[in-house]
Amino acid sequence: MAKTKTAFFCQNCGTQYAKWVGQCSACKQWNTVVEEVVQKEEKASWKTPSQTSKRVSKPLLVNEISIEKEVRLNTFDLEFNRVLGGGLVPGALVLLGGEPGVGKSTLLLQIALKLPYKTLYVSGEESQKQIKMRADRIHPNSQTCFILTETKTQNIFKQIEATQPDIVVIDSIQTLHSDYIESAAGSISQIRECTAELIKFAKETNTPVILIGHITKDGSIAGPKILEHMVDTVLQFEGDRNYVYRILRSLKNRFGSTAELGIYEMQGSGLREVNNPSEVLISKNDDGLSGTAIASTVEGMRPLLIEIQALVSTAVYGTPQRSTTGYNAKRLNMLLAVLEKRAGFKLGAKDVFLNITGGISVDDPAIDLAVVAAILSSNEDIPIDKGICFAAEVGLAGEIRPVQRVEQRILEAEKLGYNTIIISKSNKISLKSTKIKILMASKIEEIAGNLFS
C-alpha cells in the first residue's frame, strides 16, 4: 500500500493544488477547492494476460502504419447512429450528459434492450427491480441485456470478466468508486480514477463503453473538465420536460462530425425516433396567423424546416423588452437595428418576443430572413402565406446574403409541400426541374414590399 496523502482539488474544474487556496487560479471560482484523501495501491484494477510481458511501443513512419476499414457496431437506433457518426466504434468511450429526468437512462436502456449483442447495463442509481419495471414498459423480451447494480469498479470488472459483454453501459460515472482512492463517490479524484480504469479496459479489450454523466446547474458535465478530454465522444441530451421532444447533440466526437442532431419523442413506451423532424417542429394550424414564418435550416447533414414565431407590441413600461427562446438575443437586436436603419421600420419603442417552436435552439444564420419576415408580419399584423419558406442570411447593410447547401434546403421544402422559397440572388442554383418556385432577393426592402404591400 502506498503512503496515504492528501491533495486539494477544485470541484468546478478539477485543478489540483498542493495546499488550500480561496480562489481557483484556473476557473476563478471562490471556495471550490476542497481537500481529498488520495491513497493508491500499487496493483492495477484491470489486468489482461498480455500485461505480464511488458511491451515497448516503437515509432513508425506514417506511411508504414497500416489501417483497416473501421467497423462500427450498429445500435439499431437511426438517430443515435447518426449522432455517433455511423455507430459505436470498438474500444470507444462515450459520455452522455443531460438534465435530471430528461431521459438519459431510458435512452441507453432501450438501446441496450434492442441490441443483438451481449450488453452489460451497470446501474449505481437504481435497483434491478426498478430497471426491470422500466424494461417491461420499453422492450420486455430481451435475451442479450444483463443488468448489474454495483458501484465498486473492482466488482464490476469481475462481472465483466465473467460475462464477456460486447458493450458496457455505466449509469452513472458519478456513482462509481474505486478501492484504490480513499474519497467519496462523485469526488474529483474518484471520477478521474474510475474513468481511467474504464478507458484502460475499453482500449485493451476493444469493448465500447457508454457512460452517463450528471450535469451542474449551468449545464456543463459535473466533475473535472479532464473527464471530457479523456473520453472519445461527448453527447448532450437536451429537452424541456414541458415538451415531448428531446434533442441529442454531439459536443465532441473523435470518430465523426459534431454538427449532427438526433430528435426523439418521449412516449409511455420509451423514446421514439423522429426521422422527419420538420413535420413535428411545424404546427398544423391552418388559420392565417400573423408573426409566423418557416425557415429552412441545416443541422449536420440533415435539412430541417422550423417554425419561427414573433410578437411585436407597444412597450408599456418605457424600456422595450427583447426576449428570445431558442435564438441568439444579440443577433435579434442586430436584425432589429437593420430593419430600423435600412428598411425604415420604427421598432425601437416596441417590445419584440421571438420563439422557435418545439423547444429547440438554432444558431444557423440562414434563418435570419425568416426571423425578419416573422417580425414584420407581427408588426403589420399581416399573415405570411403558408406555402412560403425562407433560407437566407441578413447582413448589416440590409443585403440578403447567400447560405451554404441551399439546394438541400430547397429540396426539403419541396418534399414537405411548400410552393415558394425565398433565397439570396447570390446563390448559385444548379437544380433543373423543381416544382417549388424559387424567388431570389437582394435586399430586405424587396421582401417587405412583396409580402406586405
Protein backbone atom coordinates (compact mmCIF):
# COMPACT_ATOMS: atom_id res chain seq x y z
CA MET A 1 0.00 0.00 0.00
CA ALA A 2 1.33 3.40 -1.00
CA LYS A 3 1.69 6.10 1.60
CA THR A 4 -1.53 7.96 2.37
CA LYS A 5 -1.53 11.54 1.21
CA THR A 6 -3.99 14.33 0.67
CA ALA A 7 -4.44 16.70 -2.23
CA PHE A 8 -6.60 19.73 -2.90
CA PHE A 9 -8.92 19.77 -5.93
CA CYS A 10 -11.18 22.43 -7.41
CA GLN A 11 -14.69 20.95 -7.52
CA ASN A 12 -15.54 23.14 -10.51
CA CYS A 13 -12.69 22.48 -12.97
CA GLY A 14 -10.60 19.73 -11.30
CA THR A 15 -7.34 21.66 -10.93
CA GLN A 16 -5.06 20.16 -8.26
CA TYR A 17 -3.23 22.23 -5.62
CA ALA A 18 -0.59 21.37 -3.05
CA LYS A 19 -2.37 23.47 -0.40
CA TRP A 20 -5.75 25.07 0.13
CA VAL A 21 -6.48 28.33 -1.68
CA GLY A 22 -9.58 30.51 -1.54
CA GLN A 23 -9.86 31.13 -5.28
CA CYS A 24 -9.08 28.67 -8.06
CA SER A 25 -6.50 30.27 -10.36
CA ALA A 26 -7.76 28.27 -13.35
CA CYS A 27 -11.53 28.94 -13.34
CA LYS A 28 -11.54 31.97 -10.96
CA GLN A 29 -14.28 30.45 -8.75
CA TRP A 30 -14.24 31.09 -4.98
CA ASN A 31 -14.47 28.43 -2.24
CA THR A 32 -14.42 25.47 -4.65
CA VAL A 33 -11.09 23.96 -3.53
CA VAL A 34 -11.54 21.02 -1.13
CA GLU A 35 -9.17 18.51 0.42
CA GLU A 36 -9.40 14.85 -0.59
CA VAL A 37 -7.58 11.82 0.75
CA VAL A 38 -5.70 10.07 -2.03
CA GLN A 39 -4.42 6.53 -1.41
CA LYS A 40 -3.50 4.18 -4.24
CA GLU A 41 -2.46 0.53 -4.23
CA GLU A 42 0.38 -0.46 -6.48
CA LYS A 43 -1.60 -3.05 -8.40
CA ALA A 44 -3.94 -2.03 -11.22
CA SER A 45 -7.67 -2.64 -11.14
CA TRP A 46 -7.90 -4.07 -14.66
CA LYS A 47 -5.36 -6.57 -15.90
CA THR A 48 -5.19 -8.60 -19.06
CA PRO A 49 -2.97 -11.65 -19.65
CA SER A 50 -0.83 -9.62 -22.04
CA GLN A 51 0.21 -7.32 -19.22
CA THR A 52 2.63 -9.89 -17.84
CA SER A 53 5.04 -9.17 -20.67
CA LYS A 54 5.89 -5.50 -20.95
CA ARG A 55 5.64 -4.12 -24.45
CA VAL A 56 7.54 -1.08 -25.60
CA SER A 57 5.95 0.99 -28.36
CA LYS A 58 8.23 1.80 -31.29
CA PRO A 59 7.90 4.85 -33.53
CA LEU A 60 6.71 4.17 -37.08
CA LEU A 61 6.67 6.29 -40.19
CA VAL A 62 3.19 7.47 -41.15
CA ASN A 63 3.46 5.55 -44.44
CA GLU A 64 4.30 2.33 -42.56
CA ILE A 65 1.20 2.38 -40.37
CA SER A 66 -1.45 0.06 -41.79
CA ILE A 67 -5.11 0.88 -41.21
CA GLU A 68 -8.11 -1.30 -41.82
CA LYS A 69 -11.62 -0.18 -42.66
CA GLU A 70 -13.32 0.97 -39.47
CA VAL A 71 -16.00 -1.49 -38.36
CA ARG A 72 -18.74 0.09 -36.26
CA LEU A 73 -21.36 -1.60 -34.10
CA ASN A 74 -24.89 -0.81 -35.24
CA THR A 75 -27.02 0.38 -32.29
CA PHE A 76 -30.25 -0.17 -34.30
CA ASP A 77 -31.24 3.40 -33.43
CA LEU A 78 -31.01 5.65 -36.50
CA GLU A 79 -30.81 8.89 -34.51
CA PHE A 80 -28.14 7.57 -32.11
CA ASN A 81 -26.13 6.16 -35.03
CA ARG A 82 -26.32 9.49 -36.87
CA VAL A 83 -25.00 11.49 -33.92
CA LEU A 84 -22.19 8.99 -33.28
CA GLY A 85 -21.15 9.16 -36.94
CA GLY A 86 -22.44 5.76 -38.07
CA GLY A 87 -22.43 3.58 -34.94
CA LEU A 88 -20.28 2.63 -31.96
CA VAL A 89 -16.55 2.30 -32.59
CA PRO A 90 -14.97 -0.71 -30.80
CA GLY A 91 -12.95 0.47 -27.81
CA ALA A 92 -14.58 3.92 -27.77
CA LEU A 93 -15.67 5.66 -24.57
CA VAL A 94 -18.88 7.70 -24.99
CA LEU A 95 -20.07 10.18 -22.33
CA LEU A 96 -23.77 11.14 -22.30
CA GLY A 97 -24.85 14.14 -20.21
CA GLY A 98 -28.19 15.85 -19.63
CA GLU A 99 -30.63 17.36 -17.15
CA PRO A 100 -32.15 15.14 -14.43
CA GLY A 101 -35.26 13.41 -15.75
CA VAL A 102 -34.63 14.23 -19.41
CA GLY A 103 -34.40 10.52 -20.31
CA LYS A 104 -30.69 9.58 -20.37
CA SER A 105 -31.21 6.24 -18.61
CA THR A 106 -34.32 5.49 -20.68
CA LEU A 107 -32.46 6.13 -23.94
CA LEU A 108 -29.49 3.89 -23.12
CA LEU A 109 -31.65 1.16 -21.54
CA GLN A 110 -33.88 0.90 -24.60
CA ILE A 111 -30.82 0.77 -26.87
CA ALA A 112 -29.28 -1.94 -24.66
CA LEU A 113 -32.52 -3.96 -24.71
CA LYS A 114 -32.80 -3.87 -28.51
CA LEU A 115 -29.18 -4.70 -29.30
CA PRO A 116 -28.43 -8.20 -30.61
CA TYR A 117 -25.00 -8.04 -28.92
CA LYS A 118 -24.37 -9.12 -25.35
CA THR A 119 -24.74 -5.94 -23.27
CA LEU A 120 -23.98 -5.28 -19.59
CA TYR A 121 -26.02 -2.41 -18.12
CA VAL A 122 -24.43 -1.33 -14.83
CA SER A 123 -26.55 0.92 -12.61
CA GLY A 124 -25.39 2.59 -9.43
CA GLU A 125 -28.60 4.59 -9.00
CA GLU A 126 -31.45 2.07 -9.35
CA SER A 127 -32.13 -1.47 -8.18
CA GLN A 128 -32.59 -4.37 -10.58
CA LYS A 129 -36.35 -4.43 -9.88
CA GLN A 130 -36.70 -0.74 -10.74
CA ILE A 131 -34.85 -1.27 -14.02
CA LYS A 132 -36.96 -4.37 -14.73
CA MET A 133 -40.17 -2.31 -14.35
CA ARG A 134 -38.92 0.19 -16.92
CA ALA A 135 -37.62 -2.56 -19.21
CA ASP A 136 -41.06 -4.24 -19.27
CA ARG A 137 -42.54 -0.96 -20.46
CA ILE A 138 -39.90 -0.34 -23.14
CA HIS A 139 -38.89 -3.73 -24.58
CA PRO A 140 -39.86 -6.70 -22.39
CA ASN A 141 -38.38 -9.63 -24.35
CA SER A 142 -34.64 -9.01 -24.38
CA GLN A 143 -32.33 -12.05 -24.40
CA THR A 144 -28.99 -10.24 -24.55
CA CYS A 145 -29.09 -7.50 -21.88
CA PHE A 146 -27.66 -8.20 -18.41
CA ILE A 147 -28.46 -5.85 -15.51
CA LEU A 148 -25.92 -5.29 -12.71
CA THR A 149 -26.41 -2.97 -9.74
CA GLU A 150 -22.94 -2.18 -8.40
CA THR A 151 -20.84 0.89 -7.64
CA LYS A 152 -17.39 -0.57 -6.89
CA THR A 153 -15.25 -0.78 -10.04
CA GLN A 154 -13.37 -3.86 -8.83
CA ASN A 155 -16.63 -5.85 -8.55
CA ILE A 156 -17.82 -4.51 -11.92
CA PHE A 157 -14.65 -5.74 -13.64
CA LYS A 158 -15.09 -9.19 -12.05
CA GLN A 159 -18.58 -9.43 -13.54
CA ILE A 160 -17.31 -8.14 -16.89
CA GLU A 161 -14.68 -10.90 -16.90
CA ALA A 162 -17.36 -13.49 -16.16
CA THR A 163 -19.94 -12.14 -18.64
CA GLN A 164 -17.63 -11.04 -21.50
CA PRO A 165 -20.06 -8.41 -22.86
CA ASP A 166 -19.77 -6.74 -26.27
CA ILE A 167 -20.96 -3.35 -24.92
CA VAL A 168 -20.88 -1.89 -21.38
CA VAL A 169 -23.22 0.87 -20.17
CA ILE A 170 -22.44 2.69 -16.88
CA ASP A 171 -25.24 4.65 -15.16
CA SER A 172 -23.65 6.82 -13.91
CA ILE A 173 -19.92 7.63 -13.62
CA GLN A 174 -20.57 9.87 -10.57
CA THR A 175 -21.84 6.88 -8.54
CA LEU A 176 -18.76 4.67 -9.08
CA HIS A 177 -15.89 4.40 -6.64
CA SER A 178 -12.59 2.55 -6.59
CA ASP A 179 -10.91 0.94 -3.58
CA TYR A 180 -7.62 2.47 -4.65
CA ILE A 181 -8.82 6.02 -3.95
CA GLU A 182 -9.98 6.88 -0.45
CA SER A 183 -12.54 9.59 -1.14
CA ALA A 184 -16.30 9.76 -1.60
CA ALA A 185 -18.01 8.67 -4.81
CA GLY A 186 -18.51 11.63 -7.12
CA SER A 187 -15.39 13.45 -5.96
CA ILE A 188 -12.83 14.73 -8.45
CA SER A 189 -10.27 12.03 -7.76
CA GLN A 190 -12.83 9.19 -7.84
CA ILE A 191 -14.34 10.30 -11.16
CA ARG A 192 -10.88 10.63 -12.70
CA GLU A 193 -9.65 7.27 -11.39
CA CYS A 194 -12.82 5.33 -12.35
CA THR A 195 -12.83 6.85 -15.83
CA ALA A 196 -9.13 5.99 -16.29
CA GLU A 197 -9.83 2.36 -15.31
CA LEU A 198 -12.73 2.15 -17.78
CA ILE A 199 -10.63 3.70 -20.56
CA LYS A 200 -7.88 1.15 -19.93
CA PHE A 201 -10.43 -1.67 -20.07
CA ALA A 202 -12.08 -0.33 -23.25
CA LYS A 203 -8.83 0.15 -25.17
CA GLU A 204 -7.27 -3.18 -24.17
CA THR A 205 -10.39 -5.31 -24.84
CA ASN A 206 -11.79 -3.26 -27.78
CA THR A 207 -15.12 -3.04 -25.94
CA PRO A 208 -17.17 0.17 -26.33
CA VAL A 209 -18.22 1.75 -23.03
CA ILE A 210 -21.06 4.29 -22.68
CA LEU A 211 -21.08 6.47 -19.55
CA ILE A 212 -23.91 8.60 -18.21
CA GLY A 213 -22.72 11.81 -16.55
CA HIS A 214 -24.53 14.24 -14.28
CA ILE A 215 -24.50 17.94 -15.11
CA THR A 216 -24.16 21.06 -12.98
CA LYS A 217 -26.71 23.86 -12.69
CA ASP A 218 -25.08 25.81 -15.53
CA GLY A 219 -25.44 22.84 -17.91
CA SER A 220 -21.83 21.56 -18.00
CA ILE A 221 -20.96 17.97 -17.13
CA ALA A 222 -20.19 17.58 -13.42
CA GLY A 223 -16.66 16.66 -12.40
CA PRO A 224 -13.28 17.74 -13.71
CA LYS A 225 -13.05 19.12 -17.25
CA ILE A 226 -10.42 16.47 -17.89
CA LEU A 227 -13.27 13.92 -17.93
CA GLU A 228 -14.45 15.32 -21.27
CA HIS A 229 -10.88 15.31 -22.60
CA MET A 230 -10.36 11.66 -21.62
CA VAL A 231 -13.39 10.21 -23.43
CA ASP A 232 -13.72 9.84 -27.21
CA THR A 233 -17.23 11.24 -27.62
CA VAL A 234 -19.33 13.66 -25.55
CA LEU A 235 -23.08 13.72 -26.19
CA GLN A 236 -25.60 16.17 -24.74
CA PHE A 237 -29.25 15.12 -24.27
CA GLU A 238 -31.43 18.22 -24.18
CA GLY A 239 -35.11 18.95 -23.79
CA ASP A 240 -37.67 20.68 -21.64
CA ARG A 241 -39.87 18.45 -19.53
CA ASN A 242 -42.82 20.56 -20.74
CA TYR A 243 -42.12 19.36 -24.30
CA VAL A 244 -42.29 15.78 -25.50
CA TYR A 245 -39.30 16.20 -27.84
CA ARG A 246 -35.69 15.50 -26.87
CA ILE A 247 -32.59 16.51 -28.81
CA LEU A 248 -29.31 14.58 -28.85
CA ARG A 249 -26.27 16.68 -29.80
CA SER A 250 -22.60 15.80 -30.20
CA LEU A 251 -20.22 18.19 -28.40
CA LYS A 252 -17.07 16.18 -29.17
CA ASN A 253 -16.55 13.24 -31.49
CA ARG A 254 -13.20 11.74 -32.47
CA PHE A 255 -14.90 9.46 -34.99
CA GLY A 256 -17.41 11.74 -36.71
CA SER A 257 -18.97 15.17 -37.08
CA THR A 258 -20.02 17.30 -34.12
CA ALA A 259 -22.73 19.03 -36.18
CA GLU A 260 -25.17 16.12 -36.23
CA LEU A 261 -28.50 16.17 -34.41
CA GLY A 262 -30.87 13.43 -33.23
CA ILE A 263 -34.50 14.05 -32.27
CA TYR A 264 -36.69 11.82 -30.10
CA GLU A 265 -40.27 11.97 -28.88
CA MET A 266 -40.92 10.91 -25.28
CA GLN A 267 -43.74 8.35 -25.03
CA GLY A 268 -45.01 5.95 -22.39
CA SER A 269 -43.19 3.09 -24.12
CA GLY A 270 -39.88 4.94 -24.27
CA LEU A 271 -38.26 7.34 -26.72
CA ARG A 272 -39.47 7.22 -30.32
CA GLU A 273 -37.05 8.19 -33.09
CA VAL A 274 -38.25 11.18 -35.12
CA ASN A 275 -36.96 10.51 -38.63
CA ASN A 276 -38.68 13.55 -40.18
CA PRO A 277 -38.40 16.31 -37.56
CA SER A 278 -39.74 19.02 -39.87
CA GLU A 279 -43.23 17.59 -39.55
CA VAL A 280 -43.20 17.76 -35.75
CA LEU A 281 -41.47 21.16 -35.49
CA ILE A 282 -44.08 22.89 -37.66
CA SER A 283 -47.60 23.38 -36.28
CA LYS A 284 -50.57 22.04 -38.24
CA ASN A 285 -52.60 25.21 -37.70
CA ASP A 286 -54.26 26.21 -40.99
CA ASP A 287 -55.57 29.56 -39.72
CA GLY A 288 -53.71 32.56 -41.08
CA LEU A 289 -51.85 33.93 -38.04
CA SER A 290 -49.52 36.89 -38.22
CA GLY A 291 -45.99 36.70 -36.81
CA THR A 292 -45.22 33.19 -38.08
CA ALA A 293 -42.59 32.27 -40.69
CA ILE A 294 -40.99 28.99 -41.83
CA ALA A 295 -37.19 28.77 -42.10
CA SER A 296 -35.13 26.09 -43.84
CA THR A 297 -32.08 25.24 -41.74
CA VAL A 298 -29.43 22.51 -41.76
CA GLU A 299 -28.20 20.60 -38.69
CA GLY A 300 -25.18 18.47 -39.56
CA MET A 301 -26.13 16.66 -42.77
CA ARG A 302 -29.86 16.94 -42.16
CA PRO A 303 -32.05 19.75 -43.57
CA LEU A 304 -34.90 20.85 -41.27
CA LEU A 305 -37.83 23.19 -41.60
CA ILE A 306 -38.62 25.06 -38.40
CA GLU A 307 -41.34 27.48 -37.38
CA ILE A 308 -40.42 30.92 -36.04
CA GLN A 309 -42.95 32.96 -34.09
CA ALA A 310 -42.62 36.67 -33.36
CA LEU A 311 -44.75 39.08 -31.35
CA VAL A 312 -44.31 42.84 -31.69
CA SER A 313 -46.29 45.09 -29.35
CA THR A 314 -46.11 48.60 -27.96
CA ALA A 315 -43.78 48.90 -24.95
CA VAL A 316 -45.81 49.57 -21.81
CA TYR A 317 -43.06 50.28 -19.29
CA GLY A 318 -40.93 52.70 -21.31
CA THR A 319 -37.91 50.46 -21.96
CA PRO A 320 -38.80 47.97 -24.71
CA GLN A 321 -38.23 44.26 -24.00
CA ARG A 322 -36.25 41.92 -26.23
CA SER A 323 -36.86 38.28 -25.38
CA THR A 324 -35.87 35.16 -27.35
CA THR A 325 -36.36 31.41 -26.93
CA GLY A 326 -34.05 29.18 -28.97
CA TYR A 327 -32.40 32.12 -30.76
CA ASN A 328 -29.44 34.41 -30.03
CA ALA A 329 -30.73 37.61 -28.37
CA LYS A 330 -27.77 39.67 -29.65
CA ARG A 331 -28.49 38.64 -33.22
CA LEU A 332 -32.14 39.63 -32.76
CA ASN A 333 -31.03 43.11 -31.64
CA MET A 334 -28.82 43.35 -34.72
CA LEU A 335 -31.67 42.43 -37.07
CA LEU A 336 -33.99 44.97 -35.40
CA ALA A 337 -31.35 47.67 -35.90
CA VAL A 338 -31.04 46.71 -39.59
CA LEU A 339 -34.83 46.88 -40.02
CA GLU A 340 -34.95 50.34 -38.46
CA LYS A 341 -31.94 51.77 -40.29
CA ARG A 342 -32.24 50.15 -43.73
CA ALA A 343 -35.97 49.46 -44.13
CA GLY A 344 -37.44 52.34 -42.11
CA PHE A 345 -39.50 50.28 -39.64
CA LYS A 346 -39.75 52.04 -36.28
CA LEU A 347 -39.30 49.18 -33.80
CA GLY A 348 -37.16 50.99 -31.20
CA ALA A 349 -40.15 51.70 -28.94
CA LYS A 350 -41.78 48.27 -29.26
CA ASP A 351 -41.47 45.00 -27.36
CA VAL A 352 -40.23 42.12 -29.51
CA PHE A 353 -40.60 38.47 -28.47
CA LEU A 354 -39.19 35.66 -30.60
CA ASN A 355 -39.70 31.92 -30.23
CA ILE A 356 -38.53 28.85 -32.17
CA THR A 357 -41.23 26.23 -31.69
CA GLY A 358 -40.54 22.71 -30.46
CA GLY A 359 -38.12 23.77 -27.73
CA ILE A 360 -35.01 23.58 -29.95
CA SER A 361 -32.15 26.07 -30.24
CA VAL A 362 -30.81 27.07 -33.67
CA ASP A 363 -27.74 29.18 -34.47
CA ASP A 364 -27.82 28.82 -38.27
CA PRO A 365 -27.58 32.32 -39.86
CA ALA A 366 -29.80 31.04 -42.70
CA ILE A 367 -32.89 31.63 -40.53
CA ASP A 368 -32.24 35.40 -40.38
CA LEU A 369 -34.63 36.16 -43.24
CA ALA A 370 -37.41 34.11 -41.65
CA VAL A 371 -36.88 35.98 -38.34
CA VAL A 372 -37.16 39.33 -40.17
CA ALA A 373 -40.30 38.16 -42.02
CA ALA A 374 -41.95 36.98 -38.77
CA ILE A 375 -41.18 40.30 -37.03
CA LEU A 376 -42.58 42.34 -39.93
CA SER A 377 -45.63 40.08 -40.15
CA SER A 378 -46.43 40.66 -36.48
CA ASN A 379 -45.70 44.39 -36.71
CA GLU A 380 -48.03 44.84 -39.73
CA ASP A 381 -50.48 42.17 -38.44
CA ILE A 382 -50.50 40.55 -41.88
CA PRO A 383 -50.04 36.75 -42.04
CA ILE A 384 -47.46 35.20 -44.38
CA ASP A 385 -48.75 32.69 -46.90
CA LYS A 386 -48.45 29.13 -45.54
CA GLY A 387 -46.71 27.94 -48.70
CA ILE A 388 -43.70 30.28 -48.35
CA CYS A 389 -40.44 29.49 -46.56
CA PHE A 390 -37.10 31.31 -46.25
CA ALA A 391 -33.39 30.44 -46.41
CA ALA A 392 -31.03 33.42 -46.35
CA GLU A 393 -28.75 35.43 -44.08
CA VAL A 394 -29.27 39.17 -43.49
CA GLY A 395 -26.23 41.47 -43.43
CA LEU A 396 -25.71 44.77 -41.64
CA ALA A 397 -26.28 46.74 -44.83
CA GLY A 398 -29.70 45.13 -45.22
CA GLU A 399 -28.48 42.86 -48.02
CA ILE A 400 -29.68 39.27 -48.29
CA ARG A 401 -26.61 37.05 -48.25
CA PRO A 402 -26.23 33.50 -49.64
CA VAL A 403 -26.09 30.42 -47.43
CA GLN A 404 -24.42 27.03 -47.79
CA ARG A 405 -26.13 23.90 -49.16
CA VAL A 406 -29.11 25.85 -50.42
CA GLU A 407 -30.12 23.06 -52.83
CA GLN A 408 -30.67 20.65 -49.94
CA ARG A 409 -32.85 23.26 -48.25
CA ILE A 410 -34.89 23.74 -51.43
CA LEU A 411 -35.46 20.00 -51.91
CA GLU A 412 -36.53 19.57 -48.27
CA ALA A 413 -39.05 22.41 -48.61
CA GLU A 414 -40.37 20.89 -51.83
CA LYS A 415 -40.70 17.47 -50.21
CA LEU A 416 -42.82 18.92 -47.41
CA GLY A 417 -45.22 20.59 -49.83
CA TYR A 418 -44.09 24.25 -49.86
CA ASN A 419 -44.68 26.06 -53.14
CA THR A 420 -42.26 29.02 -52.73
CA ILE A 421 -38.85 29.51 -51.15
CA ILE A 422 -37.09 32.89 -50.89
CA ILE A 423 -33.28 32.87 -51.08
CA SER A 424 -30.45 35.26 -51.94
CA LYS A 425 -29.74 36.38 -55.50
CA SER A 426 -26.08 35.48 -54.94
CA ASN A 427 -26.84 31.77 -54.52
CA LYS A 428 -25.92 29.58 -57.49
CA ILE A 429 -28.63 27.01 -58.22
CA SER A 430 -28.00 24.00 -60.47
CA LEU A 431 -31.36 22.29 -59.92
CA LYS A 432 -33.08 21.69 -63.25
CA SER A 433 -36.63 20.53 -62.59
CA THR A 434 -38.28 21.56 -59.33
CA LYS A 435 -41.94 22.07 -58.58
CA ILE A 436 -41.21 24.67 -55.92
CA LYS A 437 -40.97 28.31 -57.04
CA ILE A 438 -37.60 29.89 -56.19
CA LEU A 439 -37.69 33.64 -55.53
CA MET A 440 -34.38 35.50 -55.31
CA ALA A 441 -33.95 38.79 -53.47
CA SER A 442 -31.01 41.08 -52.76
CA LYS A 443 -32.38 43.49 -50.09
CA ILE A 444 -34.85 43.22 -47.23
CA GLU A 445 -36.84 46.13 -48.68
CA GLU A 446 -37.84 43.81 -51.54
CA ILE A 447 -39.11 41.19 -49.08
CA ALA A 448 -41.15 43.76 -47.14
CA GLY A 449 -42.63 45.12 -50.36
CA ASN A 450 -43.57 41.72 -51.80
CA LEU A 451 -45.00 40.18 -48.62
CA PHE A 452 -46.81 43.10 -47.00
CA SER A 453 -47.70 45.51 -49.82
